[in-house]
Amino acid sequence: LKGTDTIAGSTLQMNRGLQILIEEAGVPVDTAINACTLNPARCLGVDDRKGKICAGYDADLVVLDRDYNVIQTYCRGIEFREKRFMF
């Protein structure tokens, strides 16, 4: 939220947001992926270790199938077996 340290949220899952950006809005794939990864990391001030696949970064990864369903999740390079996490 502008003027605060708070980020506005949504119930939309990020994989579905990515799907909408690419398939409905026609956003180029690399731009859409940055909108879901690097840009939020920059907003949070953690882009020195999160938001891209790069040596020295945390290796937080999500693998999607062709329908944008989550099929694998990694946190700091360690695979999590559960498909969904409820917070």
Protein backbone atom coordinates (compact mmCIF):
# COMPACT_ATOMS: atom_id res chain seq x y z
CA LEU A 1 0.00 0.00 0.00
CA LYS A 2 1.47 3.32 -1.07
CA GLY A 3 3.08 5.25 1.75
CA THR A 4 3.29 2.25 4.08
CA ASP A 5 5.45 -0.82 4.61
CA THR A 6 2.44 -3.03 3.84
CA ILE A 7 1.95 -5.04 0.67
CA ALA A 8 -1.65 -5.50 -0.45
CA GLY A 9 -2.70 -9.12 -0.81
CA SER A 10 -5.11 -11.28 -2.73
CA THR A 11 -6.65 -14.74 -2.56
CA LEU A 12 -5.53 -15.35 -6.15
CA GLN A 13 -2.86 -18.04 -6.24
CA MET A 14 0.34 -16.90 -7.94
CA ASN A 15 0.30 -19.73 -10.49
CA ARG A 16 -3.19 -18.65 -11.59
CA GLY A 17 -2.09 -15.01 -11.76
CA LEU A 18 0.79 -16.09 -14.00
CA GLN A 19 -1.63 -18.01 -16.20
CA ILE A 20 -3.90 -14.96 -16.54
CA LEU A 21 -0.98 -12.68 -17.39
CA ILE A 22 0.30 -14.99 -20.12
CA GLU A 23 -2.85 -16.52 -21.59
CA GLU A 24 -5.46 -13.79 -21.14
CA ALA A 25 -3.51 -10.53 -20.95
CA GLY A 26 -0.90 -11.56 -23.53
CA VAL A 27 2.04 -10.48 -21.38
CA PRO A 28 5.34 -11.96 -22.64
CA VAL A 29 6.39 -15.02 -20.61
CA ASP A 30 9.62 -13.49 -19.24
CA THR A 31 7.82 -10.31 -18.18
CA ALA A 32 5.00 -12.29 -16.54
CA ILE A 33 7.47 -14.49 -14.64
CA ASN A 34 9.34 -11.42 -13.38
CA ALA A 35 6.01 -9.94 -12.25
CA CYS A 36 5.46 -13.04 -10.12
CA THR A 37 9.01 -13.51 -8.84
CA LEU A 38 11.64 -10.79 -9.09
CA ASN A 39 9.35 -7.78 -8.76
CA PRO A 40 7.72 -8.97 -5.48
CA ALA A 41 11.19 -9.85 -4.13
CA ARG A 42 12.34 -6.29 -4.93
CA CYS A 43 9.28 -4.83 -3.20
CA LEU A 44 10.10 -6.87 -0.10
CA GLY A 45 13.79 -5.96 -0.23
CA VAL A 46 14.89 -9.61 -0.52
CA ASP A 47 15.96 -9.55 -4.16
CA ASP A 48 19.57 -10.11 -3.09
CA ARG A 49 18.64 -13.77 -2.44
CA LYS A 50 15.17 -14.41 -3.88
CA GLY A 51 13.30 -13.80 -7.11
CA LYS A 52 15.53 -15.46 -9.67
CA ILE A 53 17.48 -18.60 -10.41
CA CYS A 54 21.08 -17.56 -9.86
CA ALA A 55 24.19 -18.75 -8.03
CA GLY A 56 24.06 -17.63 -4.41
CA TYR A 57 20.27 -17.31 -4.33
CA ASP A 58 17.98 -19.36 -2.05
CA ALA A 59 16.80 -21.87 -4.70
CA ASP A 60 13.13 -21.35 -3.86
CA LEU A 61 11.47 -22.88 -6.91
CA VAL A 62 8.04 -23.97 -8.06
CA VAL A 63 7.63 -26.37 -10.99
CA LEU A 64 4.39 -26.01 -12.94
CA ASP A 65 2.82 -28.30 -15.52
CA ARG A 66 1.38 -27.06 -18.83
CA ASP A 67 -1.87 -26.14 -17.07
CA TYR A 68 -0.01 -24.06 -14.46
CA ASN A 69 -0.68 -26.59 -11.69
CA VAL A 70 2.03 -26.88 -9.04
CA ILE A 71 3.80 -30.23 -9.36
CA GLN A 72 6.94 -29.60 -7.28
CA THR A 73 8.03 -27.02 -4.74
CA TYR A 74 11.54 -26.36 -3.42
CA CYS A 75 12.56 -24.15 -0.52
CA ARG A 76 16.28 -23.40 -0.34
CA GLY A 77 16.81 -26.31 -2.70
CA ILE A 78 14.94 -28.85 -0.57
CA GLU A 79 11.90 -30.47 -2.20
CA PHE A 80 8.60 -30.25 -0.34
CA ARG A 81 6.30 -33.18 -1.06
CA GLU A 82 2.99 -31.43 -0.34
CA LYS A 83 1.39 -29.73 -3.33
CA ARG A 84 -0.29 -27.01 -1.26
CA PHE A 85 0.58 -25.10 1.84
CA MET A 86 -2.09 -23.48 3.95
CA PHE A 87 -1.00 -20.51 6.02
